[in-house]
Amino acid sequence: MDRRQALKQVAGLASLAVIGSRAFAQSDQFNTLDPAQSTDDPSRIEIVEFFHYACPHCRAFDPLLEAWLVSLPKDAYFKRVPAIWGNPKLKDLARLYYAAEATGDLHALHPTVFDAFQTAKLPLDTADGVRSWVASKGIDADKFMAAYKSFGIESKLSRADQLARNFHIQGVPTVAVNGLYTTSASLTGSHENTLKVVDELIAKVRQSRG
């Protein structure tokens, strides 16, 4: 799902200006970022998925990605970054993600959020909706909501929004490799091919390091 579609679907917007000039070089199956972006751990190869919970393509990609992560190379690490694009509803869905991460509930909740929001139509882009939902999962709602409303989560949301801008993310799911490359099904033709390209890009980074 691209940025325009996401904002129109989630926020009901009629139109949206496209992001400005693309600061990357494009090959057939991946983009090269210019300038390259810094990573959390320069000693390893960073893999980042940009996604959001309102995106049906992210929902379809998620189980494939999880299966791929089982064999993630030891010299690589993975993280997710929710795409926000300045949209309040996407920001609240991202807030849910980071709250689950902060409370240690992410592993249990993440796979179920897509279905709860997209199929069951639960209002997980609202604080009341999140409280009711996590309570129904047997999670301490007071503890979860304290994290949900915390300053630490607010900082992570600002950082996530900035990262998406720095990486010139215009659609999700998009996978970034070591702050150097981005790829997605819009370039590779399928989610399966995207993961194959990610493998190739990991090898490319590894080779460049000697």
N, C-alpha and C. Protein backbone atom coordinates (compact mmCIF):
# COMPACT_ATOMS: atom_id res chain seq x y z
N MET A 1 0.85 -1.19 0.00
CA MET A 1 0.00 0.00 0.00
C MET A 1 0.88 1.23 0.00
N ASP A 2 0.60 2.19 -0.90
CA ASP A 2 1.44 3.36 -0.95
C ASP A 2 0.92 4.44 0.00
N ARG A 3 1.73 5.47 0.15
CA ARG A 3 1.43 6.54 1.11
C ARG A 3 0.08 7.19 0.82
N ARG A 4 -0.21 7.44 -0.43
CA ARG A 4 -1.47 8.07 -0.82
C ARG A 4 -2.65 7.20 -0.45
N GLN A 5 -2.57 5.90 -0.79
CA GLN A 5 -3.68 4.98 -0.49
C GLN A 5 -3.88 4.85 1.01
N ALA A 6 -2.78 4.77 1.75
CA ALA A 6 -2.88 4.59 3.19
C ALA A 6 -3.59 5.76 3.84
N LEU A 7 -3.20 6.95 3.50
CA LEU A 7 -3.81 8.11 4.12
C LEU A 7 -5.27 8.27 3.71
N LYS A 8 -5.58 7.91 2.49
CA LYS A 8 -6.96 8.01 2.04
C LYS A 8 -7.82 6.97 2.74
N GLN A 9 -7.30 5.74 2.90
CA GLN A 9 -8.07 4.68 3.53
C GLN A 9 -8.27 4.94 5.01
N VAL A 10 -7.20 5.32 5.69
CA VAL A 10 -7.28 5.43 7.14
C VAL A 10 -7.89 6.74 7.58
N ALA A 11 -7.59 7.81 6.89
CA ALA A 11 -8.06 9.12 7.32
C ALA A 11 -9.19 9.69 6.48
N GLY A 12 -9.53 9.00 5.38
CA GLY A 12 -10.61 9.48 4.54
C GLY A 12 -10.24 10.70 3.74
N LEU A 13 -8.96 10.84 3.44
CA LEU A 13 -8.53 12.01 2.68
C LEU A 13 -8.84 11.82 1.20
N ALA A 14 -9.19 12.90 0.54
CA ALA A 14 -9.52 12.82 -0.88
C ALA A 14 -8.28 12.85 -1.75
N SER A 15 -7.26 13.55 -1.28
CA SER A 15 -6.05 13.63 -2.09
C SER A 15 -4.87 13.94 -1.20
N LEU A 16 -3.68 13.73 -1.76
CA LEU A 16 -2.46 13.97 -1.00
C LEU A 16 -1.33 14.26 -1.95
N ALA A 17 -0.56 15.27 -1.66
CA ALA A 17 0.59 15.58 -2.51
C ALA A 17 1.64 14.49 -2.37
N VAL A 18 2.24 14.14 -3.47
CA VAL A 18 3.27 13.12 -3.46
C VAL A 18 4.53 13.71 -2.85
N ILE A 19 5.29 12.86 -2.15
CA ILE A 19 6.55 13.29 -1.56
C ILE A 19 7.43 13.88 -2.65
N GLY A 20 8.27 14.84 -2.27
CA GLY A 20 9.13 15.53 -3.23
C GLY A 20 10.15 14.63 -3.89
N SER A 21 11.12 15.24 -4.50
CA SER A 21 12.06 14.53 -5.35
C SER A 21 12.67 13.35 -4.64
N ARG A 22 12.85 12.27 -5.35
CA ARG A 22 13.34 11.02 -4.78
C ARG A 22 14.85 11.09 -4.66
N ALA A 23 15.34 10.94 -3.44
CA ALA A 23 16.78 11.04 -3.21
C ALA A 23 17.40 9.65 -3.20
N PHE A 24 17.13 8.89 -4.23
CA PHE A 24 17.77 7.59 -4.36
C PHE A 24 17.84 7.20 -5.82
N ALA A 25 18.78 6.30 -6.11
CA ALA A 25 18.92 5.75 -7.45
C ALA A 25 18.16 4.43 -7.50
N GLN A 26 17.45 4.18 -8.57
CA GLN A 26 16.61 2.99 -8.65
C GLN A 26 17.18 1.98 -9.64
N SER A 27 17.29 0.73 -9.20
CA SER A 27 17.62 -0.37 -10.10
C SER A 27 16.32 -1.07 -10.43
N ASP A 28 16.40 -2.25 -11.04
CA ASP A 28 15.18 -2.97 -11.38
C ASP A 28 14.42 -3.43 -10.14
N GLN A 29 15.14 -3.85 -9.10
CA GLN A 29 14.50 -4.49 -7.96
C GLN A 29 14.80 -3.85 -6.61
N PHE A 30 15.58 -2.81 -6.59
CA PHE A 30 15.83 -2.11 -5.32
C PHE A 30 16.26 -0.68 -5.60
N ASN A 31 16.12 0.15 -4.57
CA ASN A 31 16.58 1.53 -4.63
C ASN A 31 17.84 1.68 -3.79
N THR A 32 18.73 2.54 -4.22
CA THR A 32 19.93 2.85 -3.45
C THR A 32 19.76 4.23 -2.82
N LEU A 33 19.83 4.28 -1.51
CA LEU A 33 19.62 5.54 -0.80
C LEU A 33 20.84 6.45 -0.90
N ASP A 34 20.58 7.72 -1.10
CA ASP A 34 21.65 8.71 -1.18
C ASP A 34 21.15 9.99 -0.52
N PRO A 35 21.65 10.31 0.68
CA PRO A 35 22.77 9.64 1.33
C PRO A 35 22.35 8.37 2.04
N ALA A 36 23.33 7.51 2.33
CA ALA A 36 23.06 6.32 3.12
C ALA A 36 22.65 6.74 4.53
N GLN A 37 21.81 5.93 5.17
CA GLN A 37 21.32 6.24 6.51
C GLN A 37 22.11 5.47 7.57
N SER A 38 22.24 6.07 8.74
CA SER A 38 22.94 5.40 9.84
C SER A 38 22.10 4.25 10.37
N THR A 39 22.74 3.29 11.00
CA THR A 39 22.06 2.13 11.57
C THR A 39 22.31 2.07 13.07
N ASP A 40 21.52 1.27 13.77
CA ASP A 40 21.65 1.18 15.22
C ASP A 40 22.93 0.47 15.64
N ASP A 41 23.36 -0.52 14.87
CA ASP A 41 24.54 -1.33 15.21
C ASP A 41 25.40 -1.51 13.96
N PRO A 42 26.40 -0.66 13.77
CA PRO A 42 27.22 -0.73 12.55
C PRO A 42 28.00 -2.03 12.40
N SER A 43 28.13 -2.80 13.47
CA SER A 43 28.89 -4.05 13.39
C SER A 43 28.08 -5.16 12.73
N ARG A 44 26.78 -4.95 12.60
CA ARG A 44 25.91 -5.96 11.97
C ARG A 44 25.10 -5.31 10.85
N ILE A 45 24.43 -6.15 10.08
CA ILE A 45 23.63 -5.68 8.94
C ILE A 45 22.19 -5.46 9.40
N GLU A 46 21.72 -4.26 9.28
CA GLU A 46 20.38 -3.90 9.77
C GLU A 46 19.32 -4.12 8.69
N ILE A 47 18.26 -4.82 9.06
CA ILE A 47 17.10 -5.03 8.19
C ILE A 47 15.90 -4.36 8.85
N VAL A 48 15.24 -3.47 8.14
CA VAL A 48 14.10 -2.74 8.69
C VAL A 48 12.88 -2.94 7.79
N GLU A 49 11.77 -3.33 8.41
CA GLU A 49 10.51 -3.34 7.67
C GLU A 49 9.70 -2.10 8.06
N PHE A 50 9.35 -1.30 7.08
CA PHE A 50 8.40 -0.21 7.28
C PHE A 50 7.02 -0.75 6.95
N PHE A 51 6.05 -0.55 7.84
CA PHE A 51 4.72 -1.14 7.69
C PHE A 51 3.71 -0.29 8.44
N HIS A 52 2.43 -0.61 8.29
CA HIS A 52 1.43 -0.14 9.24
C HIS A 52 0.26 -1.12 9.27
N TYR A 53 -0.49 -1.07 10.36
CA TYR A 53 -1.52 -2.08 10.61
C TYR A 53 -2.77 -1.91 9.75
N ALA A 54 -2.94 -0.79 9.08
CA ALA A 54 -4.10 -0.61 8.20
C ALA A 54 -3.84 -1.13 6.79
N CYS A 55 -2.64 -1.60 6.54
CA CYS A 55 -2.22 -1.99 5.20
C CYS A 55 -2.46 -3.48 4.93
N PRO A 56 -3.33 -3.82 3.99
CA PRO A 56 -3.58 -5.24 3.68
C PRO A 56 -2.35 -5.93 3.09
N HIS A 57 -1.51 -5.19 2.39
CA HIS A 57 -0.29 -5.79 1.83
C HIS A 57 0.68 -6.16 2.95
N CYS A 58 0.75 -5.34 3.99
CA CYS A 58 1.58 -5.66 5.14
C CYS A 58 1.06 -6.91 5.84
N ARG A 59 -0.23 -7.02 5.91
CA ARG A 59 -0.85 -8.20 6.52
C ARG A 59 -0.48 -9.46 5.74
N ALA A 60 -0.50 -9.40 4.42
CA ALA A 60 -0.16 -10.55 3.59
C ALA A 60 1.33 -10.87 3.68
N PHE A 61 2.15 -9.84 3.81
CA PHE A 61 3.60 -10.02 3.86
C PHE A 61 4.06 -10.57 5.20
N ASP A 62 3.35 -10.26 6.27
CA ASP A 62 3.82 -10.55 7.62
C ASP A 62 4.17 -12.03 7.86
N PRO A 63 3.30 -13.00 7.52
CA PRO A 63 3.68 -14.40 7.78
C PRO A 63 4.87 -14.85 6.95
N LEU A 64 5.02 -14.33 5.75
CA LEU A 64 6.18 -14.66 4.93
C LEU A 64 7.45 -14.11 5.57
N LEU A 65 7.35 -12.89 6.06
CA LEU A 65 8.49 -12.26 6.72
C LEU A 65 8.87 -13.02 7.99
N GLU A 66 7.87 -13.41 8.78
CA GLU A 66 8.15 -14.14 10.01
C GLU A 66 8.85 -15.47 9.72
N ALA A 67 8.43 -16.15 8.67
CA ALA A 67 9.08 -17.41 8.29
C ALA A 67 10.52 -17.15 7.85
N TRP A 68 10.73 -16.06 7.13
CA TRP A 68 12.07 -15.71 6.67
C TRP A 68 12.98 -15.37 7.84
N LEU A 69 12.44 -14.73 8.85
CA LEU A 69 13.24 -14.30 10.00
C LEU A 69 13.80 -15.47 10.81
N VAL A 70 13.19 -16.63 10.68
CA VAL A 70 13.68 -17.81 11.40
C VAL A 70 15.12 -18.11 11.02
N SER A 71 15.47 -17.84 9.77
CA SER A 71 16.83 -18.12 9.30
C SER A 71 17.64 -16.84 9.05
N LEU A 72 17.31 -15.78 9.78
CA LEU A 72 18.06 -14.53 9.65
C LEU A 72 19.53 -14.78 9.99
N PRO A 73 20.45 -14.35 9.12
CA PRO A 73 21.88 -14.59 9.38
C PRO A 73 22.32 -13.98 10.72
N LYS A 74 23.33 -14.59 11.33
CA LYS A 74 23.79 -14.13 12.63
C LYS A 74 24.43 -12.75 12.58
N ASP A 75 24.90 -12.36 11.40
CA ASP A 75 25.52 -11.04 11.30
C ASP A 75 24.52 -9.95 10.93
N ALA A 76 23.23 -10.28 11.01
CA ALA A 76 22.16 -9.32 10.70
C ALA A 76 21.19 -9.23 11.86
N TYR A 77 20.45 -8.12 11.93
CA TYR A 77 19.39 -7.99 12.92
C TYR A 77 18.21 -7.28 12.27
N PHE A 78 17.04 -7.45 12.88
CA PHE A 78 15.79 -6.99 12.27
C PHE A 78 15.02 -6.09 13.23
N LYS A 79 14.36 -5.09 12.67
CA LYS A 79 13.42 -4.29 13.44
C LYS A 79 12.31 -3.79 12.53
N ARG A 80 11.19 -3.46 13.13
CA ARG A 80 10.07 -2.88 12.40
C ARG A 80 9.96 -1.40 12.74
N VAL A 81 9.53 -0.63 11.77
CA VAL A 81 9.25 0.79 11.98
C VAL A 81 7.87 1.09 11.40
N PRO A 82 6.91 1.48 12.24
CA PRO A 82 5.58 1.82 11.72
C PRO A 82 5.63 3.10 10.88
N ALA A 83 5.01 3.06 9.73
CA ALA A 83 4.89 4.26 8.89
C ALA A 83 3.76 5.13 9.42
N ILE A 84 4.01 6.41 9.54
CA ILE A 84 3.02 7.34 10.09
C ILE A 84 2.65 8.43 9.09
N TRP A 85 3.64 8.99 8.42
CA TRP A 85 3.42 10.01 7.40
C TRP A 85 2.60 11.20 7.91
N GLY A 86 2.73 11.48 9.20
CA GLY A 86 2.03 12.62 9.76
C GLY A 86 0.54 12.43 9.95
N ASN A 87 0.05 11.20 9.77
CA ASN A 87 -1.39 10.93 9.86
C ASN A 87 -1.78 10.52 11.29
N PRO A 88 -2.75 11.16 11.92
CA PRO A 88 -3.10 10.86 13.31
C PRO A 88 -3.53 9.41 13.55
N LYS A 89 -4.30 8.84 12.64
CA LYS A 89 -4.77 7.47 12.84
C LYS A 89 -3.62 6.47 12.71
N LEU A 90 -2.75 6.69 11.74
CA LEU A 90 -1.58 5.82 11.63
C LEU A 90 -0.67 5.99 12.84
N LYS A 91 -0.62 7.19 13.37
CA LYS A 91 0.19 7.43 14.57
C LYS A 91 -0.35 6.64 15.75
N ASP A 92 -1.67 6.57 15.90
CA ASP A 92 -2.23 5.81 17.01
C ASP A 92 -2.04 4.31 16.83
N LEU A 93 -2.07 3.83 15.59
CA LEU A 93 -1.76 2.42 15.35
C LEU A 93 -0.29 2.13 15.66
N ALA A 94 0.57 3.07 15.33
CA ALA A 94 1.99 2.93 15.66
C ALA A 94 2.20 2.97 17.17
N ARG A 95 1.40 3.77 17.84
CA ARG A 95 1.47 3.87 19.30
C ARG A 95 1.15 2.50 19.93
N LEU A 96 0.17 1.82 19.37
CA LEU A 96 -0.17 0.47 19.83
C LEU A 96 1.03 -0.45 19.67
N TYR A 97 1.70 -0.38 18.53
CA TYR A 97 2.87 -1.23 18.28
C TYR A 97 3.95 -0.99 19.33
N TYR A 98 4.29 0.26 19.55
CA TYR A 98 5.37 0.57 20.49
C TYR A 98 5.00 0.28 21.94
N ALA A 99 3.73 0.45 22.28
CA ALA A 99 3.29 0.10 23.63
C ALA A 99 3.43 -1.40 23.86
N ALA A 100 3.05 -2.20 22.87
CA ALA A 100 3.19 -3.66 22.98
C ALA A 100 4.66 -4.04 23.09
N GLU A 101 5.51 -3.34 22.38
CA GLU A 101 6.95 -3.60 22.47
C GLU A 101 7.46 -3.26 23.87
N ALA A 102 7.02 -2.14 24.41
CA ALA A 102 7.49 -1.68 25.71
C ALA A 102 7.06 -2.59 26.85
N THR A 103 5.87 -3.18 26.73
CA THR A 103 5.35 -4.03 27.81
C THR A 103 5.71 -5.50 27.64
N GLY A 104 6.40 -5.83 26.56
CA GLY A 104 6.77 -7.23 26.33
C GLY A 104 5.67 -8.06 25.72
N ASP A 105 4.64 -7.41 25.21
CA ASP A 105 3.49 -8.12 24.64
C ASP A 105 3.50 -8.16 23.11
N LEU A 106 4.56 -7.66 22.50
CA LEU A 106 4.57 -7.53 21.05
C LEU A 106 4.50 -8.88 20.35
N HIS A 107 5.24 -9.86 20.84
CA HIS A 107 5.26 -11.17 20.19
C HIS A 107 3.85 -11.77 20.15
N ALA A 108 3.11 -11.60 21.23
CA ALA A 108 1.76 -12.17 21.30
C ALA A 108 0.74 -11.35 20.51
N LEU A 109 0.88 -10.04 20.52
CA LEU A 109 -0.14 -9.18 19.93
C LEU A 109 0.05 -8.88 18.45
N HIS A 110 1.28 -8.69 18.03
CA HIS A 110 1.53 -8.21 16.66
C HIS A 110 0.80 -9.01 15.58
N PRO A 111 0.86 -10.34 15.58
CA PRO A 111 0.21 -11.08 14.49
C PRO A 111 -1.31 -10.92 14.47
N THR A 112 -1.89 -10.56 15.61
CA THR A 112 -3.35 -10.49 15.71
C THR A 112 -3.91 -9.09 15.43
N VAL A 113 -3.05 -8.08 15.42
CA VAL A 113 -3.54 -6.71 15.22
C VAL A 113 -4.13 -6.54 13.83
N PHE A 114 -3.48 -7.11 12.82
CA PHE A 114 -3.97 -6.96 11.45
C PHE A 114 -5.42 -7.45 11.33
N ASP A 115 -5.69 -8.62 11.86
CA ASP A 115 -7.04 -9.18 11.76
C ASP A 115 -8.03 -8.37 12.59
N ALA A 116 -7.60 -7.98 13.79
CA ALA A 116 -8.50 -7.23 14.67
C ALA A 116 -8.90 -5.89 14.06
N PHE A 117 -7.95 -5.22 13.41
CA PHE A 117 -8.23 -3.90 12.86
C PHE A 117 -8.87 -3.98 11.48
N GLN A 118 -8.35 -4.86 10.63
CA GLN A 118 -8.81 -4.89 9.24
C GLN A 118 -10.06 -5.73 9.02
N THR A 119 -10.18 -6.85 9.74
CA THR A 119 -11.33 -7.74 9.53
C THR A 119 -12.42 -7.50 10.58
N ALA A 120 -12.04 -7.55 11.85
CA ALA A 120 -13.02 -7.35 12.92
C ALA A 120 -13.41 -5.88 13.07
N LYS A 121 -12.65 -5.00 12.45
CA LYS A 121 -12.94 -3.55 12.48
C LYS A 121 -12.95 -2.98 13.90
N LEU A 122 -12.11 -3.53 14.76
CA LEU A 122 -12.00 -2.98 16.11
C LEU A 122 -11.29 -1.62 16.05
N PRO A 123 -11.71 -0.68 16.87
CA PRO A 123 -11.15 0.68 16.81
C PRO A 123 -9.79 0.78 17.50
N LEU A 124 -8.80 0.08 16.96
CA LEU A 124 -7.48 0.06 17.58
C LEU A 124 -6.67 1.32 17.30
N ASP A 125 -7.28 2.25 16.60
CA ASP A 125 -6.67 3.56 16.40
C ASP A 125 -7.22 4.58 17.41
N THR A 126 -7.81 4.05 18.49
CA THR A 126 -8.28 4.90 19.59
C THR A 126 -7.81 4.30 20.91
N ALA A 127 -7.61 5.14 21.91
CA ALA A 127 -7.14 4.66 23.21
C ALA A 127 -8.17 3.73 23.86
N ASP A 128 -9.45 4.08 23.79
CA ASP A 128 -10.49 3.24 24.39
C ASP A 128 -10.55 1.88 23.70
N GLY A 129 -10.42 1.88 22.39
CA GLY A 129 -10.44 0.62 21.66
C GLY A 129 -9.27 -0.26 22.02
N VAL A 130 -8.11 0.33 22.18
CA VAL A 130 -6.92 -0.44 22.56
C VAL A 130 -7.08 -1.00 23.96
N ARG A 131 -7.55 -0.19 24.89
CA ARG A 131 -7.73 -0.66 26.27
C ARG A 131 -8.65 -1.87 26.31
N SER A 132 -9.78 -1.80 25.65
CA SER A 132 -10.74 -2.91 25.66
C SER A 132 -10.13 -4.15 25.02
N TRP A 133 -9.41 -3.96 23.94
CA TRP A 133 -8.85 -5.09 23.21
C TRP A 133 -7.77 -5.80 24.00
N VAL A 134 -6.83 -5.05 24.57
CA VAL A 134 -5.75 -5.71 25.32
C VAL A 134 -6.31 -6.40 26.56
N ALA A 135 -7.33 -5.80 27.18
CA ALA A 135 -7.96 -6.43 28.34
C ALA A 135 -8.59 -7.76 27.94
N SER A 136 -9.19 -7.82 26.76
CA SER A 136 -9.80 -9.06 26.27
C SER A 136 -8.76 -10.14 26.00
N LYS A 137 -7.50 -9.72 25.85
CA LYS A 137 -6.40 -10.66 25.62
C LYS A 137 -5.75 -11.11 26.93
N GLY A 138 -6.30 -10.67 28.05
CA GLY A 138 -5.76 -11.06 29.34
C GLY A 138 -4.55 -10.25 29.76
N ILE A 139 -4.34 -9.11 29.13
CA ILE A 139 -3.21 -8.25 29.43
C ILE A 139 -3.64 -7.17 30.42
N ASP A 140 -2.75 -6.81 31.33
CA ASP A 140 -3.03 -5.75 32.30
C ASP A 140 -3.23 -4.43 31.54
N ALA A 141 -4.47 -4.01 31.43
CA ALA A 141 -4.80 -2.84 30.61
C ALA A 141 -4.22 -1.56 31.19
N ASP A 142 -4.20 -1.44 32.52
CA ASP A 142 -3.66 -0.23 33.14
C ASP A 142 -2.17 -0.09 32.82
N LYS A 143 -1.44 -1.18 32.96
CA LYS A 143 -0.01 -1.16 32.66
C LYS A 143 0.23 -0.85 31.18
N PHE A 144 -0.56 -1.47 30.33
CA PHE A 144 -0.39 -1.27 28.90
C PHE A 144 -0.68 0.18 28.52
N MET A 145 -1.74 0.74 29.05
CA MET A 145 -2.12 2.10 28.69
C MET A 145 -1.15 3.14 29.26
N ALA A 146 -0.51 2.79 30.38
CA ALA A 146 0.51 3.70 30.92
C ALA A 146 1.66 3.82 29.93
N ALA A 147 2.03 2.68 29.34
CA ALA A 147 3.08 2.70 28.31
C ALA A 147 2.58 3.43 27.07
N TYR A 148 1.35 3.15 26.69
CA TYR A 148 0.73 3.73 25.49
C TYR A 148 0.76 5.25 25.52
N LYS A 149 0.59 5.82 26.71
CA LYS A 149 0.51 7.27 26.85
C LYS A 149 1.82 7.91 27.31
N SER A 150 2.87 7.12 27.39
CA SER A 150 4.12 7.61 27.97
C SER A 150 4.91 8.52 27.03
N PHE A 151 5.78 9.32 27.62
CA PHE A 151 6.64 10.20 26.85
C PHE A 151 7.61 9.39 25.99
N GLY A 152 8.06 8.25 26.53
CA GLY A 152 8.98 7.41 25.78
C GLY A 152 8.39 6.94 24.46
N ILE A 153 7.12 6.59 24.48
CA ILE A 153 6.45 6.16 23.25
C ILE A 153 6.32 7.34 22.28
N GLU A 154 6.03 8.50 22.82
CA GLU A 154 5.91 9.69 21.97
C GLU A 154 7.22 9.96 21.24
N SER A 155 8.32 9.76 21.93
CA SER A 155 9.64 9.95 21.31
C SER A 155 9.87 8.94 20.20
N LYS A 156 9.45 7.70 20.43
CA LYS A 156 9.61 6.66 19.40
C LYS A 156 8.76 6.96 18.17
N LEU A 157 7.59 7.52 18.40
CA LEU A 157 6.72 7.87 17.27
C LEU A 157 7.36 8.96 16.41
N SER A 158 7.93 9.95 17.07
CA SER A 158 8.60 11.02 16.33
C SER A 158 9.78 10.47 15.54
N ARG A 159 10.52 9.56 16.17
CA ARG A 159 11.66 8.95 15.51
C ARG A 159 11.22 8.11 14.32
N ALA A 160 10.14 7.35 14.48
CA ALA A 160 9.64 6.51 13.38
C ALA A 160 9.22 7.36 12.19
N ASP A 161 8.53 8.45 12.47
CA ASP A 161 8.08 9.32 11.39
C ASP A 161 9.27 9.92 10.65
N GLN A 162 10.30 10.29 11.41
CA GLN A 162 11.49 10.86 10.78
C GLN A 162 12.24 9.82 9.95
N LEU A 163 12.31 8.58 10.46
CA LEU A 163 12.99 7.52 9.72
C LEU A 163 12.33 7.27 8.37
N ALA A 164 11.00 7.24 8.36
CA ALA A 164 10.30 7.01 7.09
C ALA A 164 10.61 8.12 6.09
N ARG A 165 10.76 9.33 6.59
CA ARG A 165 11.12 10.45 5.71
C ARG A 165 12.57 10.29 5.22
N ASN A 166 13.46 9.94 6.15
CA ASN A 166 14.87 9.80 5.78
C ASN A 166 15.09 8.70 4.74
N PHE A 167 14.29 7.64 4.86
CA PHE A 167 14.42 6.51 3.94
C PHE A 167 13.54 6.68 2.69
N HIS A 168 12.84 7.80 2.61
CA HIS A 168 11.99 8.12 1.45
C HIS A 168 10.96 7.01 1.21
N ILE A 169 10.30 6.59 2.30
CA ILE A 169 9.32 5.52 2.20
C ILE A 169 8.02 6.09 1.63
N GLN A 170 7.63 5.59 0.47
CA GLN A 170 6.41 6.05 -0.19
C GLN A 170 5.33 4.98 -0.24
N GLY A 171 5.64 3.79 0.19
CA GLY A 171 4.66 2.71 0.23
C GLY A 171 5.12 1.64 1.20
N VAL A 172 4.19 0.86 1.69
CA VAL A 172 4.51 -0.24 2.59
C VAL A 172 3.79 -1.51 2.13
N PRO A 173 4.37 -2.67 2.47
CA PRO A 173 5.62 -2.86 3.19
C PRO A 173 6.84 -2.58 2.33
N THR A 174 7.81 -1.95 2.92
CA THR A 174 9.11 -1.73 2.29
C THR A 174 10.18 -2.22 3.24
N VAL A 175 11.19 -2.90 2.70
CA VAL A 175 12.28 -3.41 3.52
C VAL A 175 13.55 -2.64 3.17
N ALA A 176 14.22 -2.15 4.21
CA ALA A 176 15.49 -1.44 4.03
C ALA A 176 16.63 -2.32 4.52
N VAL A 177 17.73 -2.30 3.80
CA VAL A 177 18.89 -3.12 4.14
C VAL A 177 20.08 -2.22 4.46
N ASN A 178 20.43 -2.21 5.74
CA ASN A 178 21.63 -1.55 6.25
C ASN A 178 21.73 -0.05 5.91
N GLY A 179 20.59 0.60 5.79
CA GLY A 179 20.59 2.03 5.50
C GLY A 179 21.07 2.38 4.12
N LEU A 180 21.21 1.36 3.27
CA LEU A 180 21.76 1.56 1.93
C LEU A 180 20.74 1.34 0.82
N TYR A 181 19.86 0.36 1.01
CA TYR A 181 18.94 -0.06 -0.04
C TYR A 181 17.53 -0.22 0.50
N THR A 182 16.54 -0.02 -0.35
CA THR A 182 15.16 -0.36 -0.03
C THR A 182 14.57 -1.17 -1.18
N THR A 183 13.66 -2.07 -0.82
CA THR A 183 13.00 -2.88 -1.84
C THR A 183 11.58 -3.20 -1.38
N SER A 184 10.74 -3.55 -2.34
CA SER A 184 9.34 -3.87 -2.04
C SER A 184 8.75 -4.62 -3.21
N ALA A 185 7.55 -5.14 -3.01
CA ALA A 185 6.88 -5.90 -4.07
C ALA A 185 6.58 -5.05 -5.30
N SER A 186 6.48 -3.75 -5.13
CA SER A 186 6.24 -2.88 -6.29
C SER A 186 7.42 -2.90 -7.25
N LEU A 187 8.60 -3.26 -6.74
CA LEU A 187 9.79 -3.38 -7.57
C LEU A 187 10.09 -4.82 -7.95
N THR A 188 9.84 -5.75 -7.02
CA THR A 188 10.24 -7.15 -7.24
C THR A 188 9.15 -8.00 -7.87
N GLY A 189 7.91 -7.54 -7.79
CA GLY A 189 6.80 -8.28 -8.38
C GLY A 189 6.01 -9.12 -7.42
N SER A 190 6.58 -9.45 -6.26
CA SER A 190 5.85 -10.25 -5.26
C SER A 190 6.56 -10.14 -3.92
N HIS A 191 5.83 -10.48 -2.85
CA HIS A 191 6.44 -10.47 -1.52
C HIS A 191 7.54 -11.52 -1.43
N GLU A 192 7.32 -12.66 -2.05
CA GLU A 192 8.34 -13.72 -2.02
C GLU A 192 9.63 -13.23 -2.67
N ASN A 193 9.49 -12.57 -3.80
CA ASN A 193 10.67 -12.05 -4.49
C ASN A 193 11.36 -10.96 -3.68
N THR A 194 10.58 -10.19 -2.95
CA THR A 194 11.17 -9.15 -2.11
C THR A 194 12.16 -9.75 -1.13
N LEU A 195 11.78 -10.86 -0.51
CA LEU A 195 12.67 -11.49 0.47
C LEU A 195 13.90 -12.08 -0.21
N LYS A 196 13.75 -12.55 -1.43
CA LYS A 196 14.92 -13.04 -2.17
C LYS A 196 15.88 -11.89 -2.46
N VAL A 197 15.33 -10.75 -2.83
CA VAL A 197 16.17 -9.58 -3.08
C VAL A 197 16.85 -9.11 -1.80
N VAL A 198 16.14 -9.17 -0.68
CA VAL A 198 16.74 -8.82 0.61
C VAL A 198 17.94 -9.72 0.89
N ASP A 199 17.79 -11.02 0.63
CA ASP A 199 18.91 -11.95 0.80
C ASP A 199 20.10 -11.52 -0.06
N GLU A 200 19.81 -11.15 -1.29
CA GLU A 200 20.88 -10.73 -2.21
C GLU A 200 21.54 -9.43 -1.73
N LEU A 201 20.74 -8.53 -1.18
CA LEU A 201 21.30 -7.27 -0.69
C LEU A 201 22.13 -7.48 0.57
N ILE A 202 21.71 -8.41 1.42
CA ILE A 202 22.52 -8.76 2.59
C ILE A 202 23.88 -9.28 2.14
N ALA A 203 23.86 -10.15 1.15
CA ALA A 203 25.12 -10.70 0.61
C ALA A 203 25.97 -9.58 0.00
N LYS A 204 25.31 -8.64 -0.64
CA LYS A 204 26.02 -7.50 -1.26
C LYS A 204 26.72 -6.65 -0.20
N VAL A 205 26.01 -6.38 0.89
CA VAL A 205 26.60 -5.61 1.98
C VAL A 205 27.76 -6.38 2.60
N ARG A 206 27.55 -7.66 2.83
CA ARG A 206 28.58 -8.50 3.44
C ARG A 206 29.84 -8.52 2.57
N GLN A 207 29.64 -8.64 1.28
CA GLN A 207 30.78 -8.68 0.36
C GLN A 207 31.54 -7.35 0.36
N SER A 208 30.80 -6.25 0.46
CA SER A 208 31.45 -4.94 0.46
C SER A 208 32.31 -4.72 1.70
N ARG A 209 32.02 -5.48 2.75
CA ARG A 209 32.78 -5.36 3.99
C ARG A 209 34.05 -6.21 3.97
N GLY A 210 34.12 -7.05 2.95
CA GLY A 210 35.31 -7.92 2.84
C GLY A 210 35.12 -9.17 3.62
